[in-house]
Structure formats: structure tokens, C-alpha cells
C-alpha atoms as a PDB file:
ATOM      1  CA  MET A   1      42.028 -18.565  78.182  1.00  0.00           C
ATOM      2  CA  PHE A   2      44.935 -16.889  80.012  1.00  0.00           C
ATOM      3  CA  ARG A   3      45.037 -19.749  82.568  1.00  0.00           C
ATOM      4  CA  PHE A   4      45.034 -22.230  79.672  1.00  0.00           C
ATOM      5  CA  PHE A   5      48.179 -20.623  78.204  1.00  0.00           C
ATOM      6  CA  LEU A   6      49.846 -20.490  81.635  1.00  0.00           C
ATOM      7  CA  ARG A   7      49.193 -24.172  82.155  1.00  0.00           C
ATOM      8  CA  PHE A   8      50.191 -25.488  78.721  1.00  0.00           C
ATOM      9  CA  GLY A   9      52.870 -22.925  77.825  1.00  0.00           C
ATOM     10  CA  LEU A  10      54.261 -21.752  74.496  1.00  0.00           C
ATOM     11  CA  GLY A  11      53.190 -24.885  72.650  1.00  0.00           C
ATOM     12  CA  ALA A  12      49.560 -24.053  73.282  1.00  0.00           C
ATOM     13  CA  ILE A  13      50.091 -20.500  72.043  1.00  0.00           C
ATOM     14  CA  ALA A  14      51.713 -21.772  68.837  1.00  0.00           C
ATOM     15  CA  LEU A  15      48.853 -24.208  68.270  1.00  0.00           C
ATOM     16  CA  PHE A  16      46.295 -21.466  68.821  1.00  0.00           C
ATOM     17  CA  LEU A  17      48.010 -19.167  66.354  1.00  0.00           C
ATOM     18  CA  TRP A  18      48.317 -21.951  63.758  1.00  0.00           C
ATOM     19  CA  LEU A  19      44.645 -22.819  64.039  1.00  0.00           C
ATOM     20  CA  GLY A  20      43.684 -19.177  63.575  1.00  0.00           C
ATOM     21  CA  ALA A  21      46.065 -18.497  60.676  1.00  0.00           C
ATOM     22  CA  PRO A  22      44.703 -18.320  57.112  1.00  0.00           C
ATOM     23  CA  ARG A  23      45.281 -21.559  55.211  1.00  0.00           C
ATOM     24  CA  ALA A  24      46.771 -21.681  51.722  1.00  0.00           C
ATOM     25  CA  GLN A  25      44.012 -22.919  49.441  1.00  0.00           C
ATOM     26  CA  THR A  26      44.609 -25.635  46.875  1.00  0.00           C
ATOM     27  CA  PRO A  27      44.111 -23.971  43.492  1.00  0.00           C
ATOM     28  CA  SER A  28      41.410 -25.217  41.146  1.00  0.00           C
ATOM     29  CA  VAL A  29      42.498 -25.936  37.593  1.00  0.00           C
ATOM     30  CA  VAL A  30      40.131 -26.655  34.708  1.00  0.00           C
ATOM     31  CA  ILE A  31      41.678 -28.346  31.669  1.00  0.00           C
ATOM     32  CA  GLY A  32      39.636 -28.280  28.491  1.00  0.00           C
ATOM     33  CA  TYR A  33      40.214 -30.830  25.768  1.00  0.00           C
ATOM     34  CA  GLU A  34      38.955 -32.055  22.423  1.00  0.00           C
ATOM     35  CA  ASN A  35      38.802 -35.664  21.338  1.00  0.00           C
ATOM     36  CA  GLY A  36      41.442 -35.748  18.636  1.00  0.00           C
ATOM     37  CA  GLY A  37      41.427 -39.515  18.566  1.00  0.00           C
ATOM     38  CA  ALA A  38      44.303 -41.671  19.784  1.00  0.00           C
ATOM     39  CA  ASP A  39      47.190 -39.478  20.887  1.00  0.00           C
ATOM     40  CA  PRO A  40      49.484 -39.144  23.936  1.00  0.00           C
ATOM     41  CA  TYR A  41      47.185 -36.584  25.577  1.00  0.00           C
ATOM     42  CA  MET A  42      44.697 -39.420  26.025  1.00  0.00           C
ATOM     43  CA  VAL A  43      47.390 -41.393  27.870  1.00  0.00           C
ATOM     44  CA  THR A  44      48.061 -38.494  30.228  1.00  0.00           C
ATOM     45  CA  GLN A  45      44.341 -38.203  30.859  1.00  0.00           C
ATOM     46  CA  GLY A  46      43.721 -41.948  31.125  1.00  0.00           C
ATOM     47  CA  LEU A  47      46.533 -42.489  33.646  1.00  0.00           C
ATOM     48  CA  GLY A  48      45.385 -39.523  35.718  1.00  0.00           C
ATOM     49  CA  LEU A  49      48.762 -37.823  35.344  1.00  0.00           C
ATOM     50  CA  PHE A  50      47.390 -34.301  35.675  1.00  0.00           C
ATOM     51  CA  GLN A  51      45.949 -35.239  39.061  1.00  0.00           C
ATOM     52  CA  LYS A  52      49.144 -37.044  40.109  1.00  0.00           C
ATOM     53  CA  MET A  53      51.632 -34.409  38.971  1.00  0.00           C
ATOM     54  CA  MET A  54      49.806 -31.141  39.618  1.00  0.00           C
ATOM     55  CA  PRO A  55      49.140 -30.083  43.246  1.00  0.00           C
ATOM     56  CA  ALA A  56      45.701 -28.713  42.414  1.00  0.00           C
ATOM     57  CA  LYS A  57      42.025 -29.637  42.201  1.00  0.00           C
ATOM     58  CA  ILE A  58      41.882 -30.817  38.586  1.00  0.00           C
ATOM     59  CA  SER A  59      38.715 -30.791  36.497  1.00  0.00           C
ATOM     60  CA  LEU A  60      38.533 -31.941  32.884  1.00  0.00           C
ATOM     61  CA  LYS A  61      36.020 -30.419  30.466  1.00  0.00           C
ATOM     62  CA  PHE A  62      35.268 -31.807  27.010  1.00  0.00           C
ATOM     63  CA  PHE A  63      34.604 -29.560  23.973  1.00  0.00           C
ATOM     64  CA  ASP A  64      33.518 -30.860  20.573  1.00  0.00           C
ATOM     65  CA  SER A  65      35.404 -28.120  18.679  1.00  0.00           C
ATOM     66  CA  GLY A  66      37.905 -25.307  19.176  1.00  0.00           C
ATOM     67  CA  PRO A  67      35.500 -22.413  18.631  1.00  0.00           C
ATOM     68  CA  ALA A  68      33.267 -23.823  21.367  1.00  0.00           C
ATOM     69  CA  ALA A  69      36.172 -23.622  23.821  1.00  0.00           C
ATOM     70  CA  MET A  70      37.227 -20.060  23.076  1.00  0.00           C
ATOM     71  CA  SER A  71      34.414 -18.344  24.963  1.00  0.00           C
ATOM     72  CA  ALA A  72      35.288 -20.418  28.029  1.00  0.00           C
ATOM     73  CA  LEU A  73      38.913 -19.325  27.750  1.00  0.00           C
ATOM     74  CA  ALA A  74      37.951 -15.701  27.247  1.00  0.00           C
ATOM     75  CA  SER A  75      35.764 -15.807  30.362  1.00  0.00           C
ATOM     76  CA  ASN A  76      38.605 -17.311  32.451  1.00  0.00           C
ATOM     77  CA  SER A  77      36.663 -20.474  33.219  1.00  0.00           C
ATOM     78  CA  LEU A  78      39.492 -22.566  31.714  1.00  0.00           C
ATOM     79  CA  GLN A  79      43.169 -22.419  32.642  1.00  0.00           C
ATOM     80  CA  PHE A  80      44.373 -24.773  29.882  1.00  0.00           C
ATOM     81  CA  MET A  81      42.922 -26.079  26.618  1.00  0.00           C
ATOM     82  CA  CYS A  82      44.353 -29.030  24.683  1.00  0.00           C
ATOM     83  CA  GLY A  83      43.596 -30.531  21.292  1.00  0.00           C
ATOM     84  CA  LEU A  84      42.932 -27.059  19.904  1.00  0.00           C
ATOM     85  CA  GLY A  85      43.468 -26.256  16.241  1.00  0.00           C
ATOM     86  CA  VAL A  86      45.422 -23.181  15.159  1.00  0.00           C
ATOM     87  CA  PRO A  87      42.662 -21.027  13.519  1.00  0.00           C
ATOM     88  CA  PRO A  88      40.493 -20.435  16.612  1.00  0.00           C
ATOM     89  CA  PHE A  89      43.652 -19.594  18.525  1.00  0.00           C
ATOM     90  CA  VAL A  90      44.723 -17.107  15.843  1.00  0.00           C
ATOM     91  CA  ALA A  91      41.255 -15.544  15.877  1.00  0.00           C
ATOM     92  CA  ALA A  92      41.477 -15.064  19.644  1.00  0.00           C
ATOM     93  CA  ILE A  93      44.958 -13.529  19.791  1.00  0.00           C
ATOM     94  CA  SER A  94      44.137 -11.251  16.837  1.00  0.00           C
ATOM     95  CA  GLN A  95      41.504  -9.726  19.143  1.00  0.00           C
ATOM     96  CA  GLY A  96      44.012  -9.283  21.948  1.00  0.00           C
ATOM     97  CA  VAL A  97      42.952 -12.238  24.121  1.00  0.00           C
ATOM     98  CA  PRO A  98      46.010 -13.026  26.310  1.00  0.00           C
ATOM     99  CA  LEU A  99      46.739 -16.624  25.315  1.00  0.00           C
ATOM    100  CA  ALA A 100      49.879 -18.579  24.469  1.00  0.00           C
ATOM    101  CA  ILE A 101      50.762 -21.979  23.058  1.00  0.00           C
ATOM    102  CA  ILE A 102      52.796 -23.708  25.763  1.00  0.00           C
ATOM    103  CA  PHE A 103      52.872 -27.215  24.266  1.00  0.00           C
ATOM    104  CA  ASN A 104      52.449 -28.283  20.647  1.00  0.00           C
ATOM    105  CA  GLN A 105      51.042 -31.786  20.986  1.00  0.00           C
ATOM    106  CA  GLU A 106      51.266 -33.076  17.443  1.00  0.00           C
ATOM    107  CA  ARG A 107      51.103 -32.389  13.750  1.00  0.00           C
ATOM    108  CA  TYR A 108      48.293 -33.950  11.761  1.00  0.00           C
ATOM    109  CA  THR A 109      49.473 -35.979   8.783  1.00  0.00           C
ATOM    110  CA  THR A 110      46.885 -38.593   7.753  1.00  0.00           C
ATOM    111  CA  ASP A 111      44.457 -38.087  10.639  1.00  0.00           C
ATOM    112  CA  ALA A 112      42.513 -35.206   9.081  1.00  0.00           C
ATOM    113  CA  GLY A 113      41.553 -33.955   5.668  1.00  0.00           C
ATOM    114  CA  LEU A 114      38.942 -33.499   2.981  1.00  0.00           C
ATOM    115  CA  VAL A 115      36.743 -36.457   2.035  1.00  0.00           C
ATOM    116  CA  ALA A 116      33.948 -36.964  -0.502  1.00  0.00           C
ATOM    117  CA  ARG A 117      30.894 -39.148   0.051  1.00  0.00           C
ATOM    118  CA  PRO A 118      30.682 -42.285  -2.105  1.00  0.00           C
ATOM    119  CA  GLY A 119      28.129 -41.810  -4.864  1.00  0.00           C
ATOM    120  CA  SER A 120      28.515 -38.019  -4.789  1.00  0.00           C
ATOM    121  CA  GLY A 121      30.363 -37.961  -8.105  1.00  0.00           C
ATOM    122  CA  ILE A 122      33.278 -36.062  -6.521  1.00  0.00           C
ATOM    123  CA  SER A 123      36.706 -37.413  -7.372  1.00  0.00           C
ATOM    124  CA  SER A 124      38.832 -34.247  -7.231  1.00  0.00           C
ATOM    125  CA  ILE A 125      38.942 -30.797  -5.628  1.00  0.00           C
ATOM    126  CA  ALA A 126      37.660 -29.298  -8.896  1.00  0.00           C
ATOM    127  CA  ASP A 127      34.440 -31.320  -8.499  1.00  0.00           C
ATOM    128  CA  LEU A 128      33.583 -29.438  -5.295  1.00  0.00           C
ATOM    129  CA  LYS A 129      32.149 -26.390  -7.087  1.00  0.00           C
ATOM    130  CA  GLY A 130      28.549 -25.897  -6.030  1.00  0.00           C
ATOM    131  CA  ARG A 131      28.619 -28.886  -3.682  1.00  0.00           C
ATOM    132  CA  LYS A 132      27.728 -29.027   0.035  1.00  0.00           C
ATOM    133  CA  ILE A 133      30.749 -29.395   2.311  1.00  0.00           C
ATOM    134  CA  ALA A 134      30.411 -29.993   6.052  1.00  0.00           C
ATOM    135  CA  ILE A 135      32.865 -27.935   8.058  1.00  0.00           C
ATOM    136  CA  VAL A 136      33.394 -26.645  11.583  1.00  0.00           C
ATOM    137  CA  VAL A 137      33.470 -22.961  10.660  1.00  0.00           C
ATOM    138  CA  GLY A 138      36.293 -21.106  12.383  1.00  0.00           C
ATOM    139  CA  SER A 139      38.237 -24.270  13.169  1.00  0.00           C
ATOM    140  CA  GLN A 140      41.328 -25.686  11.493  1.00  0.00           C
ATOM    141  CA  SER A 141      38.961 -26.820   8.739  1.00  0.00           C
ATOM    142  CA  SER A 142      38.450 -23.246   7.493  1.00  0.00           C
ATOM    143  CA  PHE A 143      42.177 -22.839   6.926  1.00  0.00           C
ATOM    144  CA  GLU A 144      42.543 -26.247   5.300  1.00  0.00           C
ATOM    145  CA  LEU A 145      39.579 -25.834   2.961  1.00  0.00           C
ATOM    146  CA  ALA A 146      40.746 -22.408   1.807  1.00  0.00           C
ATOM    147  CA  THR A 147      44.269 -23.733   1.242  1.00  0.00           C
ATOM    148  CA  PHE A 148      43.192 -26.834  -0.694  1.00  0.00           C
ATOM    149  CA  LEU A 149      40.739 -24.876  -2.886  1.00  0.00           C
ATOM    150  CA  ALA A 150      43.344 -22.201  -3.672  1.00  0.00           C
ATOM    151  CA  GLU A 151      45.870 -24.852  -4.716  1.00  0.00           C
ATOM    152  CA  ALA A 152      43.307 -26.259  -7.175  1.00  0.00           C
ATOM    153  CA  ASN A 153      42.253 -22.767  -8.402  1.00  0.00           C
ATOM    154  CA  VAL A 154      38.709 -23.351  -7.131  1.00  0.00           C
ATOM    155  CA  PRO A 155      37.062 -20.135  -5.826  1.00  0.00           C
ATOM    156  CA  TYR A 156      36.426 -20.298  -2.080  1.00  0.00           C
ATOM    157  CA  GLU A 157      32.929 -18.871  -2.561  1.00  0.00           C
ATOM    158  CA  SER A 158      31.996 -21.540  -5.119  1.00  0.00           C
ATOM    159  CA  VAL A 159      31.435 -24.257  -2.515  1.00  0.00           C
ATOM    160  CA  ARG A 160      28.486 -24.422  -0.108  1.00  0.00           C
ATOM    161  CA  GLN A 161      29.797 -24.657   3.443  1.00  0.00           C
ATOM    162  CA  ILE A 162      27.493 -26.282   6.009  1.00  0.00           C
ATOM    163  CA  ASN A 163      28.553 -25.510   9.577  1.00  0.00           C
ATOM    164  CA  MET A 164      28.222 -28.508  11.896  1.00  0.00           C
ATOM    165  CA  SER A 165      30.103 -30.358  14.613  1.00  0.00           C
ATOM    166  CA  PRO A 166      32.059 -33.524  13.752  1.00  0.00           C
ATOM    167  CA  PRO A 167      29.449 -35.855  15.351  1.00  0.00           C
ATOM    168  CA  GLU A 168      26.728 -34.140  13.300  1.00  0.00           C
ATOM    169  CA  MET A 169      28.739 -34.820  10.156  1.00  0.00           C
ATOM    170  CA  ARG A 170      28.394 -38.576  10.642  1.00  0.00           C
ATOM    171  CA  VAL A 171      24.605 -38.284  10.689  1.00  0.00           C
ATOM    172  CA  ALA A 172      24.540 -35.937   7.677  1.00  0.00           C
ATOM    173  CA  TRP A 173      26.841 -38.320   5.818  1.00  0.00           C
ATOM    174  CA  ALA A 174      24.550 -41.271   6.439  1.00  0.00           C
ATOM    175  CA  THR A 175      21.482 -39.325   5.302  1.00  0.00           C
ATOM    176  CA  LYS A 176      23.325 -38.016   2.200  1.00  0.00           C
ATOM    177  CA  SER A 177      22.559 -34.402   3.109  1.00  0.00           C
ATOM    178  CA  ILE A 178      26.197 -33.405   2.511  1.00  0.00           C
ATOM    179  CA  ASP A 179      28.512 -34.192  -0.381  1.00  0.00           C
ATOM    180  CA  ALA A 180      31.872 -33.845   1.354  1.00  0.00           C
ATOM    181  CA  ALA A 181      33.422 -33.016   4.711  1.00  0.00           C
ATOM    182  CA  ILE A 182      36.641 -31.611   6.052  1.00  0.00           C
ATOM    183  CA  VAL A 183      37.254 -32.996   9.514  1.00  0.00           C
ATOM    184  CA  TRP A 184      39.686 -34.714  11.869  1.00  0.00           C
ATOM    185  CA  ASP A 185      39.811 -38.027  13.741  1.00  0.00           C
ATOM    186  CA  PRO A 186      37.924 -39.879  15.038  1.00  0.00           C
ATOM    187  CA  VAL A 187      35.197 -38.767  12.589  1.00  0.00           C
ATOM    188  CA  PHE A 188      37.654 -38.525   9.668  1.00  0.00           C
ATOM    189  CA  ASP A 189      38.560 -42.173  10.174  1.00  0.00           C
ATOM    190  CA  ALA A 190      34.896 -43.133  10.593  1.00  0.00           C
ATOM    191  CA  LEU A 191      33.969 -41.527   7.265  1.00  0.00           C
ATOM    192  CA  ARG A 192      36.821 -43.320   5.531  1.00  0.00           C
ATOM    193  CA  GLY A 193      35.413 -46.536   6.969  1.00  0.00           C
ATOM    194  CA  MET A 194      32.075 -45.624   5.351  1.00  0.00           C
ATOM    195  CA  GLY A 195      33.679 -45.535   1.930  1.00  0.00           C
ATOM    196  CA  ALA A 196      34.780 -41.905   1.674  1.00  0.00           C
ATOM    197  CA  THR A 197      37.123 -40.820  -1.103  1.00  0.00           C
ATOM    198  CA  VAL A 198      40.082 -38.987   0.459  1.00  0.00           C
ATOM    199  CA  LEU A 199      40.809 -35.901  -1.649  1.00  0.00           C
ATOM    200  CA  LYS A 200      43.447 -34.365   0.619  1.00  0.00           C
ATOM    201  CA  THR A 201      45.000 -35.032   4.016  1.00  0.00           C
ATOM    202  CA  ASP A 202      46.903 -32.683   6.279  1.00  0.00           C
ATOM    203  CA  ALA A 203      50.115 -34.401   5.238  1.00  0.00           C
ATOM    204  CA  ASP A 204      49.793 -32.245   2.098  1.00  0.00           C
ATOM    205  CA  LEU A 205      50.284 -29.089   4.178  1.00  0.00           C
ATOM    206  CA  PRO A 206      53.834 -27.730   4.717  1.00  0.00           C
ATOM    207  CA  ARG A 207      55.235 -27.716   8.259  1.00  0.00           C
ATOM    208  CA  ASP A 208      55.201 -23.899   8.464  1.00  0.00           C
ATOM    209  CA  ALA A 209      51.529 -23.701   7.431  1.00  0.00           C
ATOM    210  CA  SER A 210      50.320 -26.924   8.913  1.00  0.00           C
ATOM    211  CA  SER A 211      47.607 -28.424  11.073  1.00  0.00           C
ATOM    212  CA  TYR A 212      48.578 -28.854  14.711  1.00  0.00           C
ATOM    213  CA  ASN A 213      46.861 -29.803  17.931  1.00  0.00           C
ATOM    214  CA  VAL A 214      48.125 -27.406  20.578  1.00  0.00           C
ATOM    215  CA  CYS A 215      47.755 -26.845  24.316  1.00  0.00           C
ATOM    216  CA  ILE A 216      47.215 -23.218  25.198  1.00  0.00           C
ATOM    217  CA  ALA A 217      46.915 -21.252  28.417  1.00  0.00           C
ATOM    218  CA  ASP A 218      45.877 -17.887  29.762  1.00  0.00           C
ATOM    219  CA  THR A 219      49.169 -15.980  29.852  1.00  0.00           C
ATOM    220  CA  HIS A 220      48.285 -13.985  32.983  1.00  0.00           C
ATOM    221  CA  TRP A 221      47.358 -17.151  34.860  1.00  0.00           C
ATOM    222  CA  VAL A 222      50.484 -19.144  33.980  1.00  0.00           C
ATOM    223  CA  ARG A 223      52.773 -16.248  34.867  1.00  0.00           C
ATOM    224  CA  SER A 224      51.380 -16.246  38.385  1.00  0.00           C
ATOM    225  CA  HIS A 225      51.247 -20.077  38.553  1.00  0.00           C
ATOM    226  CA  ALA A 226      54.517 -20.955  36.837  1.00  0.00           C
ATOM    227  CA  VAL A 227      55.129 -24.113  38.859  1.00  0.00           C
ATOM    228  CA  LEU A 228      51.680 -25.496  38.056  1.00  0.00           C
ATOM    229  CA  ALA A 229      52.151 -24.644  34.375  1.00  0.00           C
ATOM    230  CA  ALA A 230      55.457 -26.526  34.323  1.00  0.00           C
ATOM    231  CA  ASP A 231      53.796 -29.488  36.058  1.00  0.00           C
ATOM    232  CA  PHE A 232      51.062 -29.408  33.408  1.00  0.00           C
ATOM    233  CA  VAL A 233      53.684 -29.668  30.644  1.00  0.00           C
ATOM    234  CA  ARG A 234      55.502 -32.351  32.643  1.00  0.00           C
ATOM    235  CA  ALA A 235      52.303 -34.424  32.732  1.00  0.00           C
ATOM    236  CA  LEU A 236      51.843 -34.065  28.974  1.00  0.00           C
ATOM    237  CA  ASP A 237      55.451 -35.078  28.377  1.00  0.00           C
ATOM    238  CA  ALA A 238      55.001 -38.107  30.626  1.00  0.00           C
ATOM    239  CA  GLY A 239      52.152 -39.214  28.357  1.00  0.00           C
ATOM    240  CA  VAL A 240      54.446 -38.958  25.335  1.00  0.00           C
ATOM    241  CA  THR A 241      57.176 -40.907  27.124  1.00  0.00           C
ATOM    242  CA  TYR A 242      54.738 -43.643  28.159  1.00  0.00           C
ATOM    243  CA  THR A 243      53.477 -43.886  24.576  1.00  0.00           C
ATOM    244  CA  LYS A 244      57.011 -44.413  23.297  1.00  0.00           C
ATOM    245  CA  GLU A 245      58.113 -46.829  26.015  1.00  0.00           C
ATOM    246  CA  HIS A 246      54.872 -48.851  26.342  1.00  0.00           C
ATOM    247  CA  PRO A 247      53.209 -48.609  22.909  1.00  0.00           C
ATOM    248  CA  ASP A 248      50.827 -51.536  23.322  1.00  0.00           C
ATOM    249  CA  GLU A 249      49.527 -50.426  26.716  1.00  0.00           C
ATOM    250  CA  ALA A 250      49.336 -46.827  25.513  1.00  0.00           C
ATOM    251  CA  LEU A 251      47.163 -47.826  22.567  1.00  0.00           C
ATOM    252  CA  LYS A 252      44.741 -49.623  24.885  1.00  0.00           C
ATOM    253  CA  ILE A 253      44.435 -46.496  27.035  1.00  0.00           C
ATOM    254  CA  MET A 254      43.969 -44.276  23.976  1.00  0.00           C
ATOM    255  CA  ALA A 255      41.268 -46.544  22.572  1.00  0.00           C
ATOM    256  CA  VAL A 256      39.256 -46.390  25.803  1.00  0.00           C
ATOM    257  CA  GLN A 257      39.676 -42.636  26.234  1.00  0.00           C
ATOM    258  CA  ALA A 258      38.909 -41.808  22.583  1.00  0.00           C
ATOM    259  CA  GLY A 259      36.043 -44.301  22.374  1.00  0.00           C
ATOM    260  CA  VAL A 260      37.474 -46.247  19.424  1.00  0.00           C
ATOM    261  CA  THR A 261      38.597 -49.800  18.762  1.00  0.00           C
ATOM    262  CA  LEU A 262      42.209 -50.844  19.166  1.00  0.00           C
ATOM    263  CA  PRO A 263      42.834 -51.144  15.387  1.00  0.00           C
ATOM    264  CA  VAL A 264      41.358 -47.676  14.849  1.00  0.00           C
ATOM    265  CA  ALA A 265      43.512 -46.276  17.659  1.00  0.00           C
ATOM    266  CA  LYS A 266      46.597 -47.727  15.994  1.00  0.00           C
ATOM    267  CA  THR A 267      45.680 -46.096  12.667  1.00  0.00           C
ATOM    268  CA  GLU A 268      44.936 -42.772  14.303  1.00  0.00           C
ATOM    269  CA  LEU A 269      48.196 -42.642  16.245  1.00  0.00           C
ATOM    270  CA  ALA A 270      50.099 -43.421  13.033  1.00  0.00           C
ATOM    271  CA  GLY A 271      48.505 -40.318  11.501  1.00  0.00           C
ATOM    272  CA  TYR A 272      50.209 -37.969  13.967  1.00  0.00           C
ATOM    273  CA  GLU A 273      53.729 -36.660  14.328  1.00  0.00           C
ATOM    274  CA  ILE A 274      53.913 -36.387  18.115  1.00  0.00           C
ATOM    275  CA  PHE A 275      56.180 -34.036  20.076  1.00  0.00           C
ATOM    276  CA  SER A 276      57.886 -34.399  23.457  1.00  0.00           C
ATOM    277  CA  ALA A 277      58.933 -31.586  25.796  1.00  0.00           C
ATOM    278  CA  LYS A 278      62.431 -31.766  24.311  1.00  0.00           C
ATOM    279  CA  ASP A 279      60.997 -31.536  20.784  1.00  0.00           C
ATOM    280  CA  GLN A 280      59.196 -28.320  21.775  1.00  0.00           C
ATOM    281  CA  LEU A 281      62.509 -26.477  21.960  1.00  0.00           C
ATOM    282  CA  THR A 282      63.491 -27.223  18.355  1.00  0.00           C
ATOM    283  CA  PRO A 283      62.721 -24.884  15.427  1.00  0.00           C
ATOM    284  CA  ASN A 284      60.420 -27.587  14.017  1.00  0.00           C
ATOM    285  CA  VAL A 285      58.032 -27.058  16.940  1.00  0.00           C
ATOM    286  CA  LEU A 286      57.978 -24.060  19.347  1.00  0.00           C
ATOM    287  CA  GLY A 287      61.642 -23.142  19.223  1.00  0.00           C
ATOM    288  CA  SER A 288      63.700 -21.612  22.010  1.00  0.00           C
ATOM    289  CA  GLY A 289      65.297 -18.193  22.404  1.00  0.00           C
ATOM    290  CA  ASP A 290      65.768 -16.436  19.078  1.00  0.00           C
ATOM    291  CA  SER A 291      64.452 -19.450  17.126  1.00  0.00           C
ATOM    292  CA  VAL A 292      60.895 -18.918  18.451  1.00  0.00           C
ATOM    293  CA  ALA A 293      60.345 -16.090  15.964  1.00  0.00           C
ATOM    294  CA  HIS A 294      61.012 -18.441  13.048  1.00  0.00           C
ATOM    295  CA  SER A 295      59.760 -21.756  14.434  1.00  0.00           C
ATOM    296  CA  ALA A 296      57.252 -23.890  12.554  1.00  0.00           C
ATOM    297  CA  THR A 297      54.566 -23.072  15.113  1.00  0.00           C
ATOM    298  CA  THR A 298      55.096 -19.303  14.899  1.00  0.00           C
ATOM    299  CA  LEU A 299      55.197 -19.334  11.090  1.00  0.00           C
ATOM    300  CA  THR A 300      52.031 -21.427  11.038  1.00  0.00           C
ATOM    301  CA  LEU A 301      50.294 -18.769  13.160  1.00  0.00           C
ATOM    302  CA  ALA A 302      51.364 -16.071  10.699  1.00  0.00           C
ATOM    303  CA  ASN A 303      50.442 -18.072   7.601  1.00  0.00           C
ATOM    304  CA  THR A 304      47.103 -19.136   9.067  1.00  0.00           C
ATOM    305  CA  ALA A 305      46.310 -15.494   9.819  1.00  0.00           C
ATOM    306  CA  LYS A 306      46.926 -14.583   6.160  1.00  0.00           C
ATOM    307  CA  VAL A 307      44.403 -17.187   5.012  1.00  0.00           C
ATOM    308  CA  LEU A 308      41.828 -16.258   7.641  1.00  0.00           C
ATOM    309  CA  LEU A 309      42.147 -12.586   6.647  1.00  0.00           C
ATOM    310  CA  LYS A 310      41.628 -13.453   2.993  1.00  0.00           C
ATOM    311  CA  ILE A 311      38.441 -15.427   3.619  1.00  0.00           C
ATOM    312  CA  GLY A 312      37.086 -12.906   6.125  1.00  0.00           C
ATOM    313  CA  ARG A 313      37.319 -15.022   9.284  1.00  0.00           C
ATOM    314  CA  ILE A 314      39.368 -12.309  11.048  1.00  0.00           C
ATOM    315  CA  THR A 315      39.660  -8.549  10.447  1.00  0.00           C
ATOM    316  CA  LYS A 316      43.293  -8.127  11.445  1.00  0.00           C
ATOM    317  CA  ALA A 317      46.330 -10.316  11.900  1.00  0.00           C
ATOM    318  CA  PRO A 318      48.066 -10.766  15.263  1.00  0.00           C
ATOM    319  CA  ALA A 319      50.673  -8.030  15.678  1.00  0.00           C
ATOM    320  CA  ASN A 320      53.379 -10.404  16.913  1.00  0.00           C
ATOM    321  CA  PRO A 321      52.666 -14.149  16.528  1.00  0.00           C
ATOM    322  CA  ALA A 322      55.920 -15.089  18.278  1.00  0.00           C
ATOM    323  CA  ALA A 323      54.649 -13.455  21.480  1.00  0.00           C
ATOM    324  CA  ALA A 324      51.927 -16.118  21.576  1.00  0.00           C
ATOM    325  CA  VAL A 325      54.433 -19.000  21.509  1.00  0.00           C
ATOM    326  CA  ASP A 326      55.886 -19.725  24.951  1.00  0.00           C
ATOM    327  CA  PRO A 327      58.443 -22.552  25.386  1.00  0.00           C
ATOM    328  CA  THR A 328      59.284 -21.392  28.931  1.00  0.00           C
ATOM    329  CA  PHE A 329      57.574 -24.261  30.722  1.00  0.00           C
ATOM    330  CA  ALA A 330      58.923 -26.923  28.375  1.00  0.00           C
ATOM    331  CA  GLU A 331      62.379 -25.502  29.093  1.00  0.00           C
ATOM    332  CA  LYS A 332      61.768 -25.946  32.823  1.00  0.00           C
ATOM    333  CA  VAL A 333      60.778 -29.574  32.283  1.00  0.00           C
ATOM    334  CA  VAL A 334      63.691 -30.383  29.971  1.00  0.00           C
ATOM    335  CA  HIS A 335      66.271 -28.686  32.183  1.00  0.00           C
ATOM    336  CA  GLY A 336      64.857 -30.148  35.386  1.00  0.00           C
ATOM    337  CA  ASN A 337      63.657 -26.898  36.952  1.00  0.00           C
END
């Protein structure tokens, strides 16, 4: 070995040291997601933008509801989760799980709500007393149902809640084993296509106590991987930009990714108010600086917690909802950092 170094000089020594040095490993990132129907997240996913814009080994994992994803987040097997409703997030942070909303994808307007089966005899919220309602317990549906019943002065306990996933609701609907359902797209749209009577949609909810799809992250992980977290937000924002600049192509991508027809994709997208990275920094979304404490997202966390406490879904409210709203990475994207 000594003769080798004498013969080939310092270059050989440098090569030897480089070969023996520990290599920086490419981080593995698992992104969980729900199928919320046609939205810009599906464009980001369909164009492979996470893989293109994040220097990491990217894996995507599908969940059929928010509660199903929370155990994966709590066990650190997910770094990001998108398409999540607010209630399961509130339940997690009320228990001290270190999570934060880093991108509010969209606000539901006409893409989710409460529907009654044709022939059920239900034409108003008041008719729901004693009837069987399909619901994903612990999801956004719990908050919505409690809110809609309270507005109509219908006792929360007077309805029979049947816990099932959205795909299961379609089967139960066809077999007439449920009378109503509170759900989101694409199943919400499918039930409307099967003749459902729409009693309420999420457009009836105020912005500061609304139904949002959010992307969340483990706060410890993103603090130590700030560049990757910013790239993640950058990829989401690129999907929003593509949707705005190439609407026809975006709809085709959404339809394939969401598993719906093009006309359905168009209807579903119209039922969302979508947000860009720049939108995140406004009080109507995440806010920035002092406005975070009073942003629509933060107030929705607080107001959702009040409802979940009242119906017994959580035992205590989050101490500081604003601490779980983090516009830091959107700021990096907007300001070019």
C-alpha cells in the first residue's frame, strides 16, 4: 500500500480517503394522502413533482380517511400528510402530538356535505331524528354533523351514527341500509349522482369554522429538514400554478389520479376554493407573523375544538392552536429562499 501511494502520489491518497469516507444518505420521505377528488394536489402527484423537486426517496401512501392516517403520523412512519380534515388534526394536537399545518390546500364549498337517500322521506335536517347516518367518526364529518344539527336545534344524540369509510357508504347506500350520509368527494358527488337530496354543503360553514383539506407535518422532522419541507411546499404550489395556467390539462391529470370522469373532475374542482403558497400568508388562510393567531385556519382549529369537546370526541382543547399553524415554509417559497 505504501509503494502504491509513493507511485501514484497525493491523488491516490485523496481517492483512498474519499472512498473510505462516510457518504451522505439520501433521506427517505413518505407522503400520505387522501383522495379528495379533483384538486391541485392530484396534479402535483400526477406530474411527479414531489420526486422532481425534492432531493429524497419519495414514497406515496394512500389513506381512506384522516383518522386512519393519524396512527402512522404518531409512529413517525409518515413525514407529511395531505388531504387531511381539521378534526383528526385537532384531536392529535390536543394530545400533544407535535404536528403543524404547513399548507392549507383548499376550502370545501360544494364538494362535501350532508345528503339524504332518495325514498328515505328525509327532506330537511329536522327529519334526521332517529335515522341512520353514515359518517367517518372522528373526521371532518363529526364537526360538520354536530354543527348542522345544532343550527337546526336537532339533538346530536337523536341521530344514529354508523361509522364507515366513504367507499363503504356507497355500498350501504345502494343496499338502503343507511338513510343519509355526511361525506366528501368523490363519494359525495357519486351519491348526488344516485339521486341524493343535498341537505347541507360545506359552503354553509363560515370561513373561521370551515372544512379544509390541509397538509401537515411532524414539527420535529421539518425543523431538521427545513429545505426539504420548503421543497415539499414548492411542489404543492407548482401544482396550483399548473392548474391555473393549464386548466384543461390539469383536469385530465386530476381525473386519472382521482379515478373519476372528466366531467366529474370539473364539478369537483369547482367545489373547492384552492390556495397557492402566496395565499397561505394571508389572514384568510394560514396568515403570517402576528396574523397567524387570528387567521381563518387558526380560528377554525379553535372552533372545531369547541365542537369536538361538546360532543365528547376530545377531552381537552389544544392549549395554543396558533402554534400548530406554520407558514414558515410557504414564506420561503414566496420570498425565493
